[in-house]
């Protein structure tokens, strides 16, 4: 005799959160997400360090900087060297 009302399995009914109980991120996807997270954190930190000025201008003078990665220098005079 067959069971007339079979019990639903865990994958058939959603739980409280609404998922079906199956992990939707594969191990490969988890690795890729972690790898990208690490890369973006390193890129953001490197950018902040690369463009951080070496010193602040004196009070009352405008801040004029020469922007090159890892070489942000305060221009002390208004004259710029061309070239």
C-alpha atoms as a PDB file:
ATOM      1  CA  UNK A   1       0.000   0.000   0.000  1.00  0.00           C
ATOM      2  CA  UNK A   2       1.365   3.359  -1.025  1.00  0.00           C
ATOM      3  CA  UNK A   3       1.543   6.323   1.283  1.00  0.00           C
ATOM      4  CA  UNK A   4      -1.335   8.574   0.239  1.00  0.00           C
ATOM      5  CA  UNK A   5       0.055  11.739   1.876  1.00  0.00           C
ATOM      6  CA  UNK A   6       3.850  11.619   1.605  1.00  0.00           C
ATOM      7  CA  UNK A   7       5.783  13.898   3.898  1.00  0.00           C
ATOM      8  CA  UNK A   8       7.436  16.760   2.018  1.00  0.00           C
ATOM      9  CA  UNK A   9      11.224  16.769   1.984  1.00  0.00           C
ATOM     10  CA  UNK A  10      13.354  19.656   3.139  1.00  0.00           C
ATOM     11  CA  UNK A  11      14.011  20.799  -0.439  1.00  0.00           C
ATOM     12  CA  UNK A  12      10.283  20.937  -1.215  1.00  0.00           C
ATOM     13  CA  UNK A  13       9.192  23.365   1.479  1.00  0.00           C
ATOM     14  CA  UNK A  14      10.730  26.738   2.152  1.00  0.00           C
ATOM     15  CA  UNK A  15      11.991  27.463   5.632  1.00  0.00           C
ATOM     16  CA  UNK A  16      11.356  30.629   7.642  1.00  0.00           C
ATOM     17  CA  UNK A  17      13.726  32.729   5.504  1.00  0.00           C
ATOM     18  CA  UNK A  18      12.035  31.588   2.301  1.00  0.00           C
ATOM     19  CA  UNK A  19      14.892  29.523   0.872  1.00  0.00           C
ATOM     20  CA  UNK A  20      14.511  25.899  -0.036  1.00  0.00           C
ATOM     21  CA  UNK A  21      17.307  24.698   2.238  1.00  0.00           C
ATOM     22  CA  UNK A  22      19.853  24.383  -0.548  1.00  0.00           C
ATOM     23  CA  UNK A  23      23.046  26.419  -0.320  1.00  0.00           C
ATOM     24  CA  UNK A  24      22.841  28.746  -3.287  1.00  0.00           C
ATOM     25  CA  UNK A  25      26.557  29.640  -3.333  1.00  0.00           C
ATOM     26  CA  UNK A  26      28.862  26.910  -4.513  1.00  0.00           C
ATOM     27  CA  UNK A  27      32.311  26.402  -2.984  1.00  0.00           C
ATOM     28  CA  UNK A  28      33.793  27.852  -6.173  1.00  0.00           C
ATOM     29  CA  UNK A  29      31.567  30.917  -5.814  1.00  0.00           C
ATOM     30  CA  UNK A  30      32.576  31.339  -2.175  1.00  0.00           C
ATOM     31  CA  UNK A  31      36.245  31.166  -3.132  1.00  0.00           C
ATOM     32  CA  UNK A  32      35.761  33.700  -5.940  1.00  0.00           C
ATOM     33  CA  UNK A  33      33.819  36.062  -3.653  1.00  0.00           C
ATOM     34  CA  UNK A  34      36.516  35.856  -0.974  1.00  0.00           C
ATOM     35  CA  UNK A  35      39.273  36.372  -3.526  1.00  0.00           C
ATOM     36  CA  UNK A  36      37.552  39.421  -5.018  1.00  0.00           C
ATOM     37  CA  UNK A  37      36.892  40.834  -1.543  1.00  0.00           C
ATOM     38  CA  UNK A  38      40.591  40.558  -0.684  1.00  0.00           C
ATOM     39  CA  UNK A  39      41.643  42.121  -4.010  1.00  0.00           C
ATOM     40  CA  UNK A  40      39.271  45.087  -3.615  1.00  0.00           C
ATOM     41  CA  UNK A  41      40.356  45.718  -0.008  1.00  0.00           C
ATOM     42  CA  UNK A  42      44.027  45.693  -1.037  1.00  0.00           C
ATOM     43  CA  UNK A  43      43.309  47.983  -4.022  1.00  0.00           C
ATOM     44  CA  UNK A  44      41.427  50.472  -1.835  1.00  0.00           C
ATOM     45  CA  UNK A  45      44.163  50.522   0.811  1.00  0.00           C
ATOM     46  CA  UNK A  46      46.888  50.934  -1.804  1.00  0.00           C
ATOM     47  CA  UNK A  47      45.022  53.825  -3.430  1.00  0.00           C
ATOM     48  CA  UNK A  48      44.616  55.618  -0.103  1.00  0.00           C
ATOM     49  CA  UNK A  49      48.294  55.186   0.763  1.00  0.00           C
ATOM     50  CA  UNK A  50      49.446  56.120  -2.758  1.00  0.00           C
ATOM     51  CA  UNK A  51      47.633  59.447  -2.821  1.00  0.00           C
ATOM     52  CA  UNK A  52      48.009  60.520   0.827  1.00  0.00           C
ATOM     53  CA  UNK A  53      49.849  63.865   0.995  1.00  0.00           C
ATOM     54  CA  UNK A  54      53.245  63.971   2.674  1.00  0.00           C
ATOM     55  CA  UNK A  55      52.517  67.158   4.635  1.00  0.00           C
ATOM     56  CA  UNK A  56      49.842  69.807   5.158  1.00  0.00           C
ATOM     57  CA  UNK A  57      50.235  73.437   4.045  1.00  0.00           C
ATOM     58  CA  UNK A  58      50.780  76.204   6.588  1.00  0.00           C
ATOM     59  CA  UNK A  59      47.638  77.795   7.993  1.00  0.00           C
ATOM     60  CA  UNK A  60      46.076  80.348   5.650  1.00  0.00           C
ATOM     61  CA  UNK A  61      47.797  79.108   2.468  1.00  0.00           C
ATOM     62  CA  UNK A  62      45.899  77.161  -0.169  1.00  0.00           C
ATOM     63  CA  UNK A  63      46.783  73.504  -0.548  1.00  0.00           C
ATOM     64  CA  UNK A  64      48.409  72.831  -3.904  1.00  0.00           C
ATOM     65  CA  UNK A  65      49.749  69.351  -4.447  1.00  0.00           C
ATOM     66  CA  UNK A  66      51.562  67.578  -7.242  1.00  0.00           C
ATOM     67  CA  UNK A  67      49.661  64.309  -7.677  1.00  0.00           C
ATOM     68  CA  UNK A  68      51.741  61.269  -8.603  1.00  0.00           C
ATOM     69  CA  UNK A  69      51.216  57.861  -7.050  1.00  0.00           C
ATOM     70  CA  UNK A  70      53.328  57.455  -3.894  1.00  0.00           C
ATOM     71  CA  UNK A  71      54.789  60.962  -4.421  1.00  0.00           C
ATOM     72  CA  UNK A  72      52.234  63.575  -3.332  1.00  0.00           C
ATOM     73  CA  UNK A  73      54.242  66.697  -2.600  1.00  0.00           C
ATOM     74  CA  UNK A  74      53.121  70.094  -1.447  1.00  0.00           C
ATOM     75  CA  UNK A  75      53.989  72.824  -3.928  1.00  0.00           C
ATOM     76  CA  UNK A  76      55.494  75.598  -1.813  1.00  0.00           C
ATOM     77  CA  UNK A  77      55.372  78.265  -4.530  1.00  0.00           C
ATOM     78  CA  UNK A  78      52.927  79.070  -7.292  1.00  0.00           C
ATOM     79  CA  UNK A  79      55.560  78.491  -9.982  1.00  0.00           C
ATOM     80  CA  UNK A  80      55.350  75.163 -11.695  1.00  0.00           C
ATOM     81  CA  UNK A  81      58.134  73.600 -13.713  1.00  0.00           C
ATOM     82  CA  UNK A  82      56.883  72.792 -17.181  1.00  0.00           C
ATOM     83  CA  UNK A  83      57.990  69.527 -18.636  1.00  0.00           C
END
